[in-house]
Structures are given as C-alpha cells and as structure tokens.
C-alpha cells in the first residue's frame, strides 16, 4: 500500500511538472518572439487539463498575445476576453506593441458590458448533495464540476458530473461532510474553485442546515421602527446684491434712463430737422452742436436699454432660482388646445 501511495504521488508530481514545463516553455517562447512555437505550447498546456484558475488565466493571456502577434485579431480578442473573464483587473505591461494592445483594448471594452466568471455552491443535507451554480460564464468555459468530499473525517473522495448552468453532484452520507468544489472546463482545467482543504464547505447532519465555509456578508444597517422625522435645515438667504428685486430695480432705473435719453435724442432730431429747414437763419455750428447732442443721447439710450435688459434677465434668473423655492406646474386643457400654469411659493 505504501509503495502504491508513493507511486501515485510520483505520478502527480510528474503531471504537475509537465504542466509547469509547458507553461514555462510557452513563456520562454513568447519572450524570444517564437510565436509559432508558443502557440503549440499553449494549446498543449490547455489540453493537459491540470491548470489552476491563475494558470488558466495566464495561458489565455499568452494565447491572446501569440494570436495578436501572428495577426489573428479575432482569436486574440477572444483569448484576451477569456483572460479578463478570469481576471477582471488584468492588464498588459506598459510598452506593449500596438499590434497586441489593439485586440486587448477591444476585449476590455467588451468586458465592460458583461460579468466575469462567477460560480456558487448550493448544498443540501437530506439527501446530501451539492450543486455548482454557474452565475456568470460569458465564454461558456465551465463544462463540468468536480467535488472532493470527506465524510466524518474519512478518506477524501473525488466525484465529477457534467452539466451547464446547474451541475448537481450526489454526496455520501455522514454527520459532517467537508467539501471542495471546482468548476472545470472541457479539458479539466480549473476555471473556479470554492472551498479549500483548510476552509472547506461544510454540511453538518442530514437534517441540519448547511454551514457556509466563508463568513456571511455583514448585516445591513438596522432599520428603525419609528424613525423621527428630520427637520429641514435653515434657509440661507442670499446677500442683498443677489436679490432678484435688487436686480429688477436696477433694470427699471437703467430702463427709465434709457427712455429719457431716447426722448432727448428724438427732440434733438426734430430740432435738427427745423434748423435744416431754416438753414438761412442759423449757422453750421448750431446745427453741428444739435447733431452731436442727438448722437450722444442716442448712444446713451442704447447703452441704458442694453444694461436694463441684462439686469432684467438676471432678475428673472434669480427669481426662479430663489433658495428653497416651491413651484408647481400643470397642463390645463383649454378649448382648442391647452395652457401651462406655473404656481407656488418662492
């Protein structure tokens, strides 16, 4: 028995070493820009079916890099997409060739609109079973489930089942079951893992509820049955120079001034017309003086009306944006149409 155990350990060590060699050789081939050799080594490592989730993510990173370097943009984008599905925070090192970054950026943009790989385990005690639930798998990598179970501290058993969204695996009976659940791809590579040897998923008793291997999420804030109403904060009034009525008063003042100078300009224009009609009785200097006053008054009229208009717009805006204004708007049907009514307290 001891010899067979040692032989089994030796075989596992050789398999792990072979996979490590394939991944390491693929890295070396990429570093030396031997992309054709790297493609074969990556496919070999994927086909061996012994990769952990971290190693599987790295294999898809290398595969994306290789395909991009060989000009296979679609294949590179897909490989990079699988890499991001396994490792959402993945990124290429600075200074990577644009030929490689372009398909990666395309995959990253696509990843913004889909969830990464996520699985969970649902357990039952009577009869004992565990179901691998594939919550999110954008590239449909998960093809089967593998469960390592130890009943009542006995020898660990390995169970497997194939499926799609939900993969159920029947478990042996026992007062305590310690589980490790793995989501596998078609080759047997581990896409995701739930539970570890140190912190397993635990099922206690055939009639008891499942005990989660990980701490439950923190409880939300405790709701108050009779919450006291929150009093509104004090109203902070605007300073005088931001009062709407102050701006409105300025608009009226400048408007009145503009009207005054407009009337004066009109009077000067009438006076100039009379002087021109009786030019023989008046000098050119008299007419020129009247013309200058008319031009000045017209300019002041334009300035006054422009400033008044600006103050009027400002007053309207300040009035409508008065702090804590309460406005109501409604559409009232009218014969042949309707009307918009605005009301409230400002």
Protein backbone atom coordinates (compact mmCIF):
# COMPACT_ATOMS: atom_id res chain seq x y z
CA UNK A 1 0.00 0.00 0.00
CA UNK A 2 2.77 2.39 0.89
CA UNK A 3 4.54 1.70 -2.39
CA UNK A 4 1.36 2.32 -4.37
CA UNK A 5 0.86 5.61 -2.48
CA UNK A 6 4.39 6.73 -3.24
CA UNK A 7 3.92 5.77 -6.89
CA UNK A 8 0.72 7.81 -7.07
CA UNK A 9 2.46 10.83 -5.56
CA UNK A 10 5.25 10.43 -8.09
CA UNK A 11 2.77 10.38 -10.98
CA UNK A 12 1.03 13.53 -9.68
CA UNK A 13 4.38 15.25 -9.32
CA UNK A 14 5.30 14.34 -12.89
CA UNK A 15 1.97 15.62 -14.22
CA UNK A 16 2.34 18.90 -12.33
CA UNK A 17 5.91 19.22 -13.51
CA UNK A 18 4.90 18.55 -17.11
CA UNK A 19 2.23 21.25 -16.97
CA UNK A 20 4.62 23.69 -15.35
CA UNK A 21 7.15 22.92 -18.08
CA UNK A 22 4.56 23.57 -20.83
CA UNK A 23 3.56 26.91 -19.31
CA UNK A 24 7.15 27.88 -18.65
CA UNK A 25 8.20 26.88 -22.17
CA UNK A 26 5.33 28.97 -23.57
CA UNK A 27 6.52 31.97 -21.58
CA UNK A 28 10.07 31.46 -22.86
CA UNK A 29 8.88 31.17 -26.47
CA UNK A 30 6.91 34.42 -26.20
CA UNK A 31 9.85 36.22 -24.61
CA UNK A 32 12.02 35.12 -27.55
CA UNK A 33 9.26 36.09 -30.05
CA UNK A 34 8.91 32.48 -31.25
CA UNK A 35 5.14 32.80 -31.53
CA UNK A 36 4.52 29.69 -33.63
CA UNK A 37 6.23 27.52 -31.02
CA UNK A 38 4.41 29.37 -28.24
CA UNK A 39 1.02 28.66 -29.87
CA UNK A 40 1.67 24.91 -29.81
CA UNK A 41 2.91 25.00 -26.22
CA UNK A 42 -0.16 26.96 -25.05
CA UNK A 43 -2.54 24.55 -26.77
CA UNK A 44 -0.64 21.66 -25.22
CA UNK A 45 -0.87 23.17 -21.74
CA UNK A 46 -4.61 23.81 -22.15
CA UNK A 47 -5.16 20.26 -23.36
CA UNK A 48 -3.38 18.76 -20.36
CA UNK A 49 -6.27 19.93 -18.17
CA UNK A 50 -4.27 20.50 -14.99
CA UNK A 51 -4.18 24.30 -14.81
CA UNK A 52 -5.33 26.20 -11.73
CA UNK A 53 -7.55 29.30 -12.21
CA UNK A 54 -4.47 31.53 -12.04
CA UNK A 55 -2.53 29.39 -14.53
CA UNK A 56 -5.54 29.20 -16.84
CA UNK A 57 -5.79 32.99 -16.85
CA UNK A 58 -2.10 33.25 -17.74
CA UNK A 59 -2.48 30.71 -20.54
CA UNK A 60 -5.23 32.81 -22.14
CA UNK A 61 -3.07 35.91 -21.72
CA UNK A 62 -0.23 34.17 -23.58
CA UNK A 63 -2.64 32.81 -26.20
CA UNK A 64 -4.03 36.31 -26.83
CA UNK A 65 -0.53 37.72 -27.15
CA UNK A 66 0.52 34.96 -29.57
CA UNK A 67 -2.55 35.24 -31.79
CA UNK A 68 -2.26 39.04 -31.89
CA UNK A 69 1.41 38.83 -32.86
CA UNK A 70 0.54 36.37 -35.64
CA UNK A 71 -2.17 38.71 -36.96
CA UNK A 72 -5.21 36.67 -35.84
CA UNK A 73 -7.11 39.60 -34.34
CA UNK A 74 -10.41 37.78 -33.72
CA UNK A 75 -8.74 34.85 -31.97
CA UNK A 76 -6.61 37.25 -29.91
CA UNK A 77 -9.66 39.25 -28.82
CA UNK A 78 -11.44 36.05 -27.75
CA UNK A 79 -8.42 34.81 -25.78
CA UNK A 80 -7.99 38.17 -24.09
CA UNK A 81 -11.71 38.17 -23.31
CA UNK A 82 -11.35 34.83 -21.50
CA UNK A 83 -8.36 36.20 -19.63
CA UNK A 84 -10.40 39.20 -18.46
CA UNK A 85 -13.33 36.93 -17.56
CA UNK A 86 -11.00 35.02 -15.23
CA UNK A 87 -9.09 38.09 -14.02
CA UNK A 88 -11.15 41.31 -14.44
CA UNK A 89 -8.26 43.52 -13.27
CA UNK A 90 -5.81 42.10 -15.80
CA UNK A 91 -3.77 44.47 -17.95
CA UNK A 92 -0.85 44.38 -20.35
CA UNK A 93 2.52 45.78 -19.27
CA UNK A 94 3.43 49.32 -20.40
CA UNK A 95 5.22 49.49 -23.71
CA UNK A 96 3.40 46.51 -25.26
CA UNK A 97 3.24 46.62 -29.05
CA UNK A 98 0.10 48.27 -30.51
CA UNK A 99 -0.44 45.12 -32.57
CA UNK A 100 -1.13 43.33 -29.28
CA UNK A 101 -2.80 46.15 -27.35
CA UNK A 102 -5.46 46.74 -30.03
CA UNK A 103 -7.25 43.37 -29.62
CA UNK A 104 -6.76 43.59 -25.85
CA UNK A 105 -8.41 47.02 -25.75
CA UNK A 106 -11.28 45.63 -27.84
CA UNK A 107 -11.70 42.73 -25.40
CA UNK A 108 -11.53 45.12 -22.44
CA UNK A 109 -14.24 47.33 -23.94
CA UNK A 110 -16.46 44.27 -24.47
CA UNK A 111 -15.79 43.13 -20.89
CA UNK A 112 -17.31 46.36 -19.58
CA UNK A 113 -20.74 45.08 -20.67
CA UNK A 114 -20.60 41.58 -19.17
CA UNK A 115 -19.92 39.90 -15.85
CA UNK A 116 -16.70 37.93 -15.21
CA UNK A 117 -16.78 34.23 -14.36
CA UNK A 118 -18.67 33.69 -11.12
CA UNK A 119 -19.96 30.46 -9.57
CA UNK A 120 -21.52 29.47 -6.27
CA UNK A 121 -22.36 26.24 -4.45
CA UNK A 122 -25.81 25.28 -3.19
CA UNK A 123 -25.81 22.42 -0.66
CA UNK A 124 -28.47 20.15 0.77
CA UNK A 125 -28.23 17.81 3.78
CA UNK A 126 -31.11 15.40 3.11
CA UNK A 127 -30.24 13.77 0.81
CA UNK A 128 -26.69 15.16 0.85
CA UNK A 129 -25.78 16.90 -2.39
CA UNK A 130 -24.04 19.96 -3.75
CA UNK A 131 -24.98 21.92 -6.87
CA UNK A 132 -22.48 24.05 -8.73
CA UNK A 133 -24.43 27.09 -9.97
CA UNK A 134 -22.82 28.99 -12.84
CA UNK A 135 -23.89 32.56 -12.14
CA UNK A 136 -21.85 34.12 -14.93
CA UNK A 137 -19.73 32.50 -17.65
CA UNK A 138 -19.55 34.80 -20.70
CA UNK A 139 -17.44 32.36 -22.78
CA UNK A 140 -19.17 29.17 -21.55
CA UNK A 141 -15.91 27.74 -20.25
CA UNK A 142 -17.47 25.70 -17.43
CA UNK A 143 -18.33 22.20 -18.67
CA UNK A 144 -18.36 20.07 -15.53
CA UNK A 145 -17.97 20.05 -11.76
CA UNK A 146 -15.53 18.18 -9.59
CA UNK A 147 -16.15 17.71 -5.88
CA UNK A 148 -13.70 16.50 -3.27
CA UNK A 149 -15.63 15.29 -0.22
CA UNK A 150 -14.54 13.89 3.12
CA UNK A 151 -17.25 12.22 5.22
CA UNK A 152 -16.76 12.23 9.00
CA UNK A 153 -13.02 12.82 8.67
CA UNK A 154 -12.51 9.76 6.47
CA UNK A 155 -10.71 9.39 3.18
CA UNK A 156 -11.32 12.12 0.63
CA UNK A 157 -13.39 11.06 -2.39
CA UNK A 158 -13.42 12.64 -5.83
CA UNK A 159 -16.78 12.99 -7.64
CA UNK A 160 -17.49 14.54 -11.04
CA UNK A 161 -20.56 15.47 -13.06
CA UNK A 162 -21.10 17.31 -16.35
CA UNK A 163 -23.69 19.98 -17.00
CA UNK A 164 -24.43 23.54 -17.96
CA UNK A 165 -25.90 26.19 -15.66
CA UNK A 166 -26.53 23.94 -12.66
CA UNK A 167 -24.47 20.81 -12.06
CA UNK A 168 -25.72 18.62 -9.20
CA UNK A 169 -23.46 16.08 -7.50
CA UNK A 170 -24.80 13.49 -5.03
CA UNK A 171 -22.69 13.12 -1.87
CA UNK A 172 -22.10 10.25 0.54
CA UNK A 173 -23.98 10.22 3.86
CA UNK A 174 -22.28 11.39 7.02
CA UNK A 175 -22.73 13.53 10.09
CA UNK A 176 -20.19 16.01 8.71
CA UNK A 177 -19.16 16.50 5.10
CA UNK A 178 -16.18 18.67 4.14
CA UNK A 179 -16.29 19.80 0.50
CA UNK A 180 -14.12 21.40 -2.13
CA UNK A 181 -15.95 22.27 -5.35
CA UNK A 182 -14.22 23.01 -8.65
CA UNK A 183 -15.68 24.34 -11.89
CA UNK A 184 -13.81 22.69 -14.79
CA UNK A 185 -13.53 23.42 -18.49
CA UNK A 186 -13.83 20.71 -21.13
CA UNK A 187 -10.20 19.63 -20.62
CA UNK A 188 -10.36 19.57 -16.82
CA UNK A 189 -8.66 22.90 -16.13
CA UNK A 190 -9.99 24.65 -13.04
CA UNK A 191 -11.99 27.70 -14.05
CA UNK A 192 -13.04 28.49 -10.46
CA UNK A 193 -12.75 26.93 -7.01
CA UNK A 194 -14.99 27.05 -3.93
CA UNK A 195 -13.66 25.94 -0.57
CA UNK A 196 -10.17 24.75 0.33
CA UNK A 197 -8.67 21.97 2.37
CA UNK A 198 -8.14 24.38 5.25
CA UNK A 199 -11.53 26.15 4.92
CA UNK A 200 -13.97 23.70 3.29
CA UNK A 201 -17.66 23.97 2.61
CA UNK A 202 -19.33 22.08 5.46
CA UNK A 203 -22.59 20.15 5.66
CA UNK A 204 -23.46 19.08 9.20
CA UNK A 205 -26.00 16.31 9.81
CA UNK A 206 -28.56 15.01 7.34
CA UNK A 207 -31.34 17.13 8.84
CA UNK A 208 -29.36 20.25 9.66
CA UNK A 209 -28.80 23.33 7.57
CA UNK A 210 -25.66 23.96 5.62
CA UNK A 211 -22.86 25.81 7.39
CA UNK A 212 -21.01 28.12 4.99
CA UNK A 213 -17.25 27.81 4.85
CA UNK A 214 -16.82 31.55 4.41
CA UNK A 215 -18.13 34.20 6.80
CA UNK A 216 -21.58 35.53 5.89
CA UNK A 217 -21.81 39.04 4.47
CA UNK A 218 -22.01 41.77 7.09
CA UNK A 219 -25.58 42.63 8.06
CA UNK A 220 -27.07 45.77 6.67
CA UNK A 221 -27.86 48.77 8.85
CA UNK A 222 -30.55 48.00 11.39
CA UNK A 223 -33.84 49.56 10.45
CA UNK A 224 -35.51 51.84 12.95
CA UNK A 225 -39.14 51.02 13.52
CA UNK A 226 -40.22 54.57 14.31
CA UNK A 227 -37.76 56.94 12.76
CA UNK A 228 -38.12 60.52 13.91
CA UNK A 229 -38.72 62.98 11.09
CA UNK A 230 -35.71 65.02 10.13
CA UNK A 231 -36.27 68.73 10.50
CA UNK A 232 -35.40 70.79 7.42
CA UNK A 233 -32.22 72.81 7.63
CA UNK A 234 -32.28 76.59 7.95
CA UNK A 235 -32.84 78.64 4.86
CA UNK A 236 -29.68 80.53 3.90
CA UNK A 237 -30.77 83.76 2.30
CA UNK A 238 -28.78 85.37 -0.46
CA UNK A 239 -26.88 88.62 0.13
CA UNK A 240 -28.52 91.84 -0.96
CA UNK A 241 -26.67 92.11 -4.24
CA UNK A 242 -28.05 88.67 -5.27
CA UNK A 243 -31.68 89.55 -4.52
CA UNK A 244 -33.91 89.39 -7.58
CA UNK A 245 -35.75 92.57 -6.65
CA UNK A 246 -32.44 94.50 -6.41
CA UNK A 247 -31.60 93.48 -9.97
CA UNK A 248 -35.15 94.25 -11.04
CA UNK A 249 -34.86 97.75 -9.53
CA UNK A 250 -31.60 98.31 -11.40
CA UNK A 251 -33.30 97.17 -14.61
CA UNK A 252 -36.11 99.69 -14.08
CA UNK A 253 -33.64 102.51 -13.30
CA UNK A 254 -31.48 101.90 -16.34
CA UNK A 255 -34.59 101.43 -18.47
CA UNK A 256 -36.01 104.76 -17.32
CA UNK A 257 -32.70 106.45 -18.04
CA UNK A 258 -32.59 104.90 -21.48
CA UNK A 259 -36.13 106.11 -22.20
CA UNK A 260 -35.20 109.63 -21.09
CA UNK A 261 -32.18 109.80 -23.36
CA UNK A 262 -34.20 108.26 -26.18
CA UNK A 263 -36.76 111.04 -25.91
CA UNK A 264 -33.97 113.61 -25.80
CA UNK A 265 -32.43 112.16 -28.93
CA UNK A 266 -35.80 112.36 -30.65
CA UNK A 267 -36.22 116.01 -29.62
CA UNK A 268 -32.73 116.84 -30.88
CA UNK A 269 -33.54 115.12 -34.16
CA UNK A 270 -36.71 117.27 -34.51
CA UNK A 271 -34.69 120.40 -33.71
CA UNK A 272 -32.09 119.49 -36.33
CA UNK A 273 -34.84 118.99 -38.92
CA UNK A 274 -36.18 122.51 -38.21
CA UNK A 275 -32.69 124.00 -38.42
CA UNK A 276 -32.13 122.39 -41.79
CA UNK A 277 -35.49 123.72 -42.98
CA UNK A 278 -34.43 127.25 -41.99
CA UNK A 279 -30.74 127.00 -42.67
CA UNK A 280 -30.52 130.57 -43.81
CA UNK A 281 -31.30 131.80 -40.31
CA UNK A 282 -28.81 129.54 -38.50
CA UNK A 283 -25.11 128.81 -38.67
CA UNK A 284 -23.47 125.48 -39.38
CA UNK A 285 -22.00 125.37 -35.84
CA UNK A 286 -25.51 125.49 -34.34
CA UNK A 287 -26.60 122.54 -36.47
CA UNK A 288 -23.42 120.60 -35.64
CA UNK A 289 -23.97 121.10 -31.89
CA UNK A 290 -27.53 119.79 -32.17
CA UNK A 291 -26.28 116.77 -34.16
CA UNK A 292 -23.62 115.97 -31.51
CA UNK A 293 -26.21 116.10 -28.72
CA UNK A 294 -28.54 113.83 -30.69
CA UNK A 295 -25.75 111.28 -31.27
CA UNK A 296 -24.78 111.36 -27.59
CA UNK A 297 -28.36 110.89 -26.42
CA UNK A 298 -28.89 108.01 -28.91
CA UNK A 299 -25.75 106.27 -27.61
CA UNK A 300 -26.87 106.67 -24.00
CA UNK A 301 -30.30 105.33 -24.96
CA UNK A 302 -28.78 102.19 -26.47
CA UNK A 303 -26.47 101.67 -23.50
CA UNK A 304 -29.26 102.21 -20.98
CA UNK A 305 -31.65 99.80 -22.69
CA UNK A 306 -28.92 97.15 -23.08
CA UNK A 307 -27.93 97.33 -19.40
CA UNK A 308 -31.59 97.32 -18.37
CA UNK A 309 -32.18 94.20 -20.44
CA UNK A 310 -29.20 92.44 -18.82
CA UNK A 311 -30.42 93.30 -15.32
CA UNK A 312 -33.93 92.16 -16.23
CA UNK A 313 -32.63 88.74 -17.38
CA UNK A 314 -30.56 88.42 -14.22
CA UNK A 315 -33.55 89.34 -12.05
CA UNK A 316 -35.65 86.69 -13.76
CA UNK A 317 -33.00 84.00 -13.21
CA UNK A 318 -32.55 84.98 -9.55
CA UNK A 319 -36.30 84.97 -9.05
CA UNK A 320 -36.69 81.48 -10.49
CA UNK A 321 -33.72 80.09 -8.55
CA UNK A 322 -34.62 81.55 -5.19
CA UNK A 323 -33.40 79.07 -2.48
CA UNK A 324 -36.00 76.50 -1.39
CA UNK A 325 -38.48 77.69 -3.92
CA UNK A 326 -41.61 75.62 -4.17
CA UNK A 327 -43.02 75.59 -7.67
CA UNK A 328 -45.81 73.64 -9.27
CA UNK A 329 -46.51 73.22 -12.95
CA UNK A 330 -49.62 71.80 -14.54
CA UNK A 331 -51.10 71.49 -18.01
CA UNK A 332 -54.70 72.72 -18.14
CA UNK A 333 -56.84 71.69 -21.13
CA UNK A 334 -58.42 74.61 -22.97
CA UNK A 335 -60.80 74.73 -25.91
CA UNK A 336 -58.70 74.13 -28.97
CA UNK A 337 -55.50 73.49 -27.04
CA UNK A 338 -54.15 73.90 -23.54
CA UNK A 339 -52.22 76.11 -21.16
CA UNK A 340 -49.23 75.62 -18.86
CA UNK A 341 -49.84 77.04 -15.39
CA UNK A 342 -46.89 77.70 -13.06
CA UNK A 343 -47.55 78.46 -9.43
CA UNK A 344 -46.18 78.04 -5.94
CA UNK A 345 -44.30 79.86 -3.20
CA UNK A 346 -40.94 81.46 -4.00
